[in-house]
């Protein structure tokens, strides 16, 4: 008799129930979002756990059914069975052909759906799966895909080969354009890439940055010192020049003799000399008048009489002019 081994760590039922409750709530929220996006194309086919959903997918969305049938040559329905631990587990999916597709196409669409769901493991993935299927339907929205005859299959293979060739050519052209980038554009791309990735801060990078920074600071200090030295030398030269004057500097602004007598700015101008003489005469006249106004007593002057004792000197004087003047005065009167 085999006795089952009991687990050493008891399972906490409350934690499990809480986690399951979180999954249910997340699944219900995703169902509400899908209803808002796809409207009537989304259906909840089973409302009990595990939930089951279905989404009708067309290359071109339209609310008019007649128009939808005219513009869409292919269509399918995605069926999803939601596990209780979804999105931590992958959903179980199947594809139903609605229009214009063969079994081969159904299998291909199902493969695309499973790959997309795996890419979104741990996250709500149904909407991403639907978009991937719609993209494939849009690329293959042509008539006759459900024709299984040999001729139709050959035509489809030929069309697929041409499509693959076009895609390869587009890829080649894009790669060629990238290779033909100029050196400046390549450098700019490298700079953008480094900015996006960032520079790791380690000891080697820090030491390199520090050495570069210190070199730049030393160079800047030398440039500033040279600038100050040049400025000081210039100031010294200007000061020495202002203190030292040569004969040429003194003669530079001096007036010539011709300018002295001919121009108004000359100090020896005739007009200035005449004006100065008039001012001097006027000043002397004012002084004589001022002396008379002082009330000087002529009779009480101290006169040296010895100067006038020599009468012989008076004989030499000519008084004729005085007599003539007196006669003239009497006549005029």
Protein backbone atom coordinates (compact mmCIF):
# COMPACT_ATOMS: atom_id res chain seq x y z
CA UNK A 1 0.00 0.00 0.00
CA UNK A 2 1.40 3.36 -1.08
CA UNK A 3 0.85 6.25 1.26
CA UNK A 4 0.77 9.67 -0.45
CA UNK A 5 3.36 12.10 0.78
CA UNK A 6 1.85 15.11 2.40
CA UNK A 7 3.18 18.53 1.60
CA UNK A 8 5.33 20.06 4.30
CA UNK A 9 3.89 23.52 3.57
CA UNK A 10 0.12 23.74 3.87
CA UNK A 11 -1.67 25.48 1.01
CA UNK A 12 -3.31 28.71 2.00
CA UNK A 13 -6.78 28.47 0.52
CA UNK A 14 -7.49 32.14 1.13
CA UNK A 15 -4.51 33.18 -1.00
CA UNK A 16 -5.57 30.85 -3.82
CA UNK A 17 -9.14 32.08 -3.70
CA UNK A 18 -8.00 35.70 -3.72
CA UNK A 19 -5.77 35.08 -6.75
CA UNK A 20 -8.58 33.31 -8.59
CA UNK A 21 -10.87 36.21 -7.77
CA UNK A 22 -8.33 38.60 -9.28
CA UNK A 23 -8.20 36.52 -12.46
CA UNK A 24 -12.00 36.50 -12.74
CA UNK A 25 -12.17 40.26 -12.28
CA UNK A 26 -9.47 40.80 -14.90
CA UNK A 27 -11.24 38.50 -17.37
CA UNK A 28 -14.56 40.31 -16.87
CA UNK A 29 -12.84 43.68 -17.47
CA UNK A 30 -11.29 42.36 -20.68
CA UNK A 31 -14.72 41.11 -21.85
CA UNK A 32 -16.19 44.59 -21.25
CA UNK A 33 -13.35 46.18 -23.23
CA UNK A 34 -13.81 43.77 -26.15
CA UNK A 35 -17.56 44.50 -26.18
CA UNK A 36 -16.85 48.23 -26.38
CA UNK A 37 -14.36 47.72 -29.24
CA UNK A 38 -16.08 45.09 -31.43
CA UNK A 39 -19.71 45.80 -30.46
CA UNK A 40 -22.01 43.06 -31.76
CA UNK A 41 -19.11 41.15 -33.36
CA UNK A 42 -18.05 40.06 -29.84
CA UNK A 43 -20.13 37.43 -28.01
CA UNK A 44 -19.90 35.73 -24.65
CA UNK A 45 -20.92 32.20 -25.55
CA UNK A 46 -20.46 30.89 -22.01
CA UNK A 47 -20.84 33.06 -18.93
CA UNK A 48 -19.67 30.45 -16.40
CA UNK A 49 -16.06 29.56 -15.77
CA UNK A 50 -14.23 28.75 -17.86
CA UNK A 51 -15.59 31.60 -19.98
CA UNK A 52 -15.97 31.21 -23.72
CA UNK A 53 -15.86 34.13 -26.15
CA UNK A 54 -16.13 34.54 -29.89
CA UNK A 55 -15.23 37.42 -32.22
CA UNK A 56 -16.28 37.73 -35.88
CA UNK A 57 -13.46 39.30 -37.87
CA UNK A 58 -13.55 41.06 -41.25
CA UNK A 59 -10.82 42.91 -43.17
CA UNK A 60 -12.97 46.06 -43.41
CA UNK A 61 -15.37 47.07 -40.62
CA UNK A 62 -18.78 48.44 -41.56
CA UNK A 63 -22.17 48.47 -39.83
CA UNK A 64 -24.11 47.83 -43.05
CA UNK A 65 -24.30 44.06 -43.62
CA UNK A 66 -24.86 44.40 -47.38
CA UNK A 67 -21.85 46.66 -47.79
CA UNK A 68 -19.80 44.42 -45.52
CA UNK A 69 -20.48 41.41 -47.74
CA UNK A 70 -19.54 43.40 -50.85
CA UNK A 71 -16.20 44.78 -49.66
CA UNK A 72 -15.06 41.75 -47.65
CA UNK A 73 -14.22 38.62 -49.64
CA UNK A 74 -12.85 36.71 -46.64
CA UNK A 75 -13.93 36.44 -42.98
CA UNK A 76 -13.51 34.17 -39.96
CA UNK A 77 -14.61 33.78 -36.36
CA UNK A 78 -12.14 33.45 -33.48
CA UNK A 79 -13.32 31.19 -30.66
CA UNK A 80 -11.63 31.53 -27.28
CA UNK A 81 -11.90 29.34 -24.20
CA UNK A 82 -10.59 31.30 -21.20
CA UNK A 83 -8.82 29.21 -18.52
CA UNK A 84 -9.47 30.07 -14.88
CA UNK A 85 -5.89 31.32 -14.44
CA UNK A 86 -5.84 33.41 -17.64
CA UNK A 87 -3.89 35.64 -18.45
CA UNK A 88 -1.18 33.72 -16.61
CA UNK A 89 -2.10 30.78 -18.84
CA UNK A 90 -2.61 30.72 -22.60
CA UNK A 91 -6.20 30.77 -23.90
CA UNK A 92 -7.47 27.83 -25.91
CA UNK A 93 -8.36 29.12 -29.39
CA UNK A 94 -9.96 27.85 -32.56
CA UNK A 95 -10.84 29.46 -35.91
CA UNK A 96 -14.08 29.05 -37.85
CA UNK A 97 -14.20 30.03 -41.52
CA UNK A 98 -17.05 32.41 -42.35
CA UNK A 99 -16.26 33.35 -45.93
CA UNK A 100 -13.79 32.82 -48.75
CA UNK A 101 -11.13 30.74 -46.97
CA UNK A 102 -9.95 27.16 -47.12
CA UNK A 103 -8.80 24.71 -44.46
CA UNK A 104 -5.21 25.57 -45.23
CA UNK A 105 -5.97 29.19 -44.48
CA UNK A 106 -7.73 28.26 -41.25
CA UNK A 107 -4.67 26.45 -39.98
CA UNK A 108 -2.45 29.36 -40.92
CA UNK A 109 -4.70 31.83 -39.11
CA UNK A 110 -4.76 29.60 -36.03
CA UNK A 111 -0.95 29.50 -36.03
CA UNK A 112 -0.83 33.30 -36.17
CA UNK A 113 -3.28 33.50 -33.26
CA UNK A 114 -1.28 31.12 -31.04
CA UNK A 115 2.00 32.92 -31.74
CA UNK A 116 0.47 36.28 -30.86
CA UNK A 117 -1.02 34.90 -27.62
CA UNK A 118 2.38 33.54 -26.58
CA UNK A 119 3.91 36.97 -27.20
CA UNK A 120 1.39 38.49 -24.75
CA UNK A 121 1.77 35.82 -22.07
CA UNK A 122 0.78 37.25 -18.67
CA UNK A 123 -1.29 40.06 -20.23
CA UNK A 124 -4.74 40.29 -21.84
CA UNK A 125 -4.06 39.00 -25.36
CA UNK A 126 -7.39 38.53 -27.15
CA UNK A 127 -7.47 42.00 -28.70
CA UNK A 128 -3.87 41.67 -29.98
CA UNK A 129 -4.75 38.26 -31.47
CA UNK A 130 -7.79 39.73 -33.24
CA UNK A 131 -5.73 42.56 -34.72
CA UNK A 132 -3.10 40.14 -36.03
CA UNK A 133 -5.82 38.04 -37.73
CA UNK A 134 -7.48 41.13 -39.22
CA UNK A 135 -4.13 42.24 -40.65
CA UNK A 136 -3.73 38.89 -42.40
CA UNK A 137 -7.31 39.04 -43.69
CA UNK A 138 -6.68 42.54 -45.06
CA UNK A 139 -3.59 41.38 -46.92
CA UNK A 140 -5.53 38.45 -48.42
CA UNK A 141 -8.90 40.06 -49.08
CA UNK A 142 -9.35 38.63 -52.58
CA UNK A 143 -11.92 36.42 -54.23
CA UNK A 144 -11.40 32.73 -54.84
CA UNK A 145 -9.24 31.78 -51.88
CA UNK A 146 -11.68 29.03 -51.03
CA UNK A 147 -11.28 27.44 -54.48
CA UNK A 148 -9.39 24.16 -53.96
CA UNK A 149 -8.87 23.37 -57.64
CA UNK A 150 -5.36 22.87 -58.96
CA UNK A 151 -5.56 25.97 -61.11
CA UNK A 152 -6.69 28.16 -58.20
CA UNK A 153 -3.95 26.78 -55.97
CA UNK A 154 -1.33 27.49 -58.65
CA UNK A 155 -2.62 31.03 -59.08
CA UNK A 156 -2.54 31.60 -55.32
CA UNK A 157 1.01 30.29 -55.07
CA UNK A 158 2.05 32.53 -57.93
CA UNK A 159 0.43 35.55 -56.27
CA UNK A 160 2.10 34.68 -52.96
CA UNK A 161 5.47 34.41 -54.72
CA UNK A 162 5.00 37.82 -56.33
CA UNK A 163 3.96 39.31 -53.00
CA UNK A 164 7.02 37.83 -51.32
CA UNK A 165 9.21 39.24 -54.11
CA UNK A 166 7.72 42.70 -53.65
CA UNK A 167 8.25 42.54 -49.90
CA UNK A 168 11.84 41.41 -50.38
CA UNK A 169 12.45 44.28 -52.83
CA UNK A 170 10.99 46.78 -50.37
CA UNK A 171 13.20 45.41 -47.64
CA UNK A 172 16.24 45.64 -49.91
CA UNK A 173 15.44 49.25 -50.86
CA UNK A 174 15.03 50.18 -47.22
CA UNK A 175 18.37 48.57 -46.39
CA UNK A 176 20.00 50.31 -49.35
CA UNK A 177 18.74 53.70 -48.22
CA UNK A 178 20.14 53.01 -44.76
CA UNK A 179 23.54 52.09 -46.21
CA UNK A 180 23.63 55.23 -48.36
CA UNK A 181 23.40 57.53 -45.37
CA UNK A 182 26.08 60.19 -45.24
CA UNK A 183 28.78 60.17 -42.62
CA UNK A 184 27.11 63.05 -40.77
CA UNK A 185 23.78 61.19 -40.69
CA UNK A 186 25.50 58.06 -39.40
CA UNK A 187 27.17 60.06 -36.65
CA UNK A 188 23.85 61.63 -35.75
CA UNK A 189 22.24 58.20 -35.56
CA UNK A 190 25.06 57.00 -33.32
CA UNK A 191 24.57 60.02 -31.05
CA UNK A 192 20.83 59.37 -30.83
CA UNK A 193 21.49 55.73 -30.10
CA UNK A 194 23.95 56.56 -27.33
CA UNK A 195 21.49 59.07 -25.86
CA UNK A 196 18.73 56.48 -25.90
CA UNK A 197 20.90 53.75 -24.39
CA UNK A 198 22.78 56.05 -22.02
CA UNK A 199 26.38 55.85 -20.86
CA UNK A 200 27.07 53.46 -17.99
CA UNK A 201 28.76 55.16 -15.05
CA UNK A 202 31.72 53.03 -14.02
CA UNK A 203 35.22 53.72 -12.79
CA UNK A 204 36.82 53.74 -16.25
CA UNK A 205 34.25 56.13 -17.76
CA UNK A 206 34.46 58.43 -14.73
CA UNK A 207 38.27 58.57 -14.85
CA UNK A 208 38.18 59.37 -18.58
CA UNK A 209 35.59 62.11 -18.03
CA UNK A 210 37.55 63.53 -15.10
CA UNK A 211 40.81 63.71 -17.09
CA UNK A 212 39.04 65.42 -19.98
CA UNK A 213 37.29 67.87 -17.65
CA UNK A 214 40.49 68.79 -15.81
CA UNK A 215 42.32 69.33 -19.12
CA UNK A 216 39.55 71.64 -20.33
CA UNK A 217 39.63 73.61 -17.05
CA UNK A 218 43.44 73.96 -17.20
CA UNK A 219 43.27 75.18 -20.79
CA UNK A 220 40.57 77.66 -19.86
CA UNK A 221 42.64 78.96 -16.92
CA UNK A 222 45.67 79.48 -19.21
CA UNK A 223 43.55 81.40 -21.71
CA UNK A 224 42.15 83.65 -18.96
CA UNK A 225 45.66 84.30 -17.57
CA UNK A 226 46.96 85.21 -21.04
CA UNK A 227 44.02 87.57 -21.54
CA UNK A 228 44.73 89.30 -18.21
CA UNK A 229 48.44 89.62 -19.07
CA UNK A 230 47.70 91.20 -22.44
CA UNK A 231 45.26 93.62 -20.81
CA UNK A 232 47.81 94.67 -18.16
CA UNK A 233 50.47 95.23 -20.79
CA UNK A 234 48.09 97.35 -22.83
CA UNK A 235 47.24 99.48 -19.78
CA UNK A 236 50.96 99.99 -18.98
CA UNK A 237 51.69 101.08 -22.55
CA UNK A 238 48.83 103.56 -22.48
CA UNK A 239 50.03 104.96 -19.13
CA UNK A 240 53.62 105.37 -20.33
CA UNK A 241 52.46 107.01 -23.51
CA UNK A 242 50.36 109.53 -21.57
CA UNK A 243 53.31 110.43 -19.28
CA UNK A 244 55.92 110.75 -22.07
CA UNK A 245 55.43 113.59 -24.56
CA UNK A 246 57.81 114.31 -27.42
CA UNK A 247 58.56 117.52 -29.30
CA UNK A 248 56.44 116.31 -32.18
CA UNK A 249 53.45 115.80 -29.85
CA UNK A 250 53.86 119.35 -28.49
CA UNK A 251 54.22 120.92 -31.94
CA UNK A 252 51.29 118.98 -33.36
CA UNK A 253 48.60 121.33 -32.02
CA UNK A 254 50.67 124.55 -32.07
CA UNK A 255 49.58 127.36 -34.46
CA UNK A 256 51.87 128.66 -37.16
CA UNK A 257 52.80 132.35 -37.52
CA UNK A 258 50.49 132.78 -40.45
CA UNK A 259 47.62 131.29 -38.42
CA UNK A 260 48.47 133.56 -35.48
CA UNK A 261 47.86 136.78 -37.51
CA UNK A 262 45.21 135.70 -40.00
CA UNK A 263 42.76 133.47 -38.13
CA UNK A 264 40.46 134.45 -35.34
CA UNK A 265 41.84 131.71 -33.16
CA UNK A 266 45.33 133.21 -33.39
CA UNK A 267 46.60 135.04 -30.32
CA UNK A 268 48.20 137.82 -32.47
CA UNK A 269 45.12 138.60 -34.52
CA UNK A 270 44.87 142.31 -35.44
CA UNK A 271 41.28 142.46 -34.37
CA UNK A 272 42.18 141.07 -30.97
CA UNK A 273 45.09 143.53 -30.62
CA UNK A 274 42.88 146.54 -31.45
CA UNK A 275 40.27 145.38 -29.05
CA UNK A 276 42.86 144.93 -26.32
CA UNK A 277 44.21 148.46 -26.91
CA UNK A 278 40.72 149.96 -26.66
CA UNK A 279 40.07 148.10 -23.43
CA UNK A 280 43.41 149.35 -22.00
CA UNK A 281 42.62 153.02 -22.95
CA UNK A 282 39.19 152.77 -21.41
CA UNK A 283 40.68 151.33 -18.25
CA UNK A 284 43.27 154.19 -17.96
CA UNK A 285 40.52 156.82 -18.48
CA UNK A 286 38.50 155.29 -15.70
CA UNK A 287 41.51 155.47 -13.38
CA UNK A 288 42.11 159.22 -14.11
CA UNK A 289 38.49 160.02 -13.43
CA UNK A 290 38.70 158.10 -10.29
CA UNK A 291 41.67 160.19 -9.16
CA UNK A 292 39.74 163.52 -9.64
CA UNK A 293 36.81 162.20 -7.78
CA UNK A 294 39.00 161.56 -4.75
CA UNK A 295 38.86 165.37 -3.84
CA UNK A 296 42.60 166.06 -4.18
CA UNK A 297 43.61 169.58 -2.81
CA UNK A 298 46.01 171.17 -5.38
CA UNK A 299 46.91 174.22 -3.26
CA UNK A 300 48.20 172.09 -0.41
CA UNK A 301 50.45 169.94 -2.61
CA UNK A 302 54.05 169.62 -1.48
CA UNK A 303 55.97 171.13 -4.44
CA UNK A 304 59.75 171.25 -4.82
CA UNK A 305 60.27 174.96 -5.74
CA UNK A 306 63.95 174.50 -6.53
CA UNK A 307 62.90 172.90 -9.77
CA UNK A 308 61.49 176.23 -10.96
CA UNK A 309 64.24 178.72 -9.79
CA UNK A 310 66.03 178.80 -13.12
CA UNK A 311 64.21 181.56 -15.06
CA UNK A 312 66.55 181.25 -18.01
CA UNK A 313 64.92 178.09 -18.99
CA UNK A 314 61.67 179.90 -19.51
CA UNK A 315 63.19 182.17 -22.15
CA UNK A 316 63.56 179.29 -24.52
CA UNK A 317 59.85 178.56 -24.50
CA UNK A 318 57.85 179.59 -27.55
CA UNK A 319 54.56 181.19 -26.56
CA UNK A 320 53.47 182.15 -30.06
CA UNK A 321 51.34 179.11 -30.42
CA UNK A 322 49.59 179.94 -27.20
CA UNK A 323 48.85 183.50 -28.35
CA UNK A 324 47.60 182.23 -31.65
CA UNK A 325 45.38 179.86 -29.89
CA UNK A 326 44.04 182.65 -27.67
CA UNK A 327 43.30 184.76 -30.76
CA UNK A 328 41.52 181.92 -32.36
CA UNK A 329 39.49 181.47 -29.23
CA UNK A 330 38.48 185.11 -29.14
CA UNK A 331 37.49 185.04 -32.83
CA UNK A 332 35.43 181.94 -32.32
CA UNK A 333 33.65 183.57 -29.46
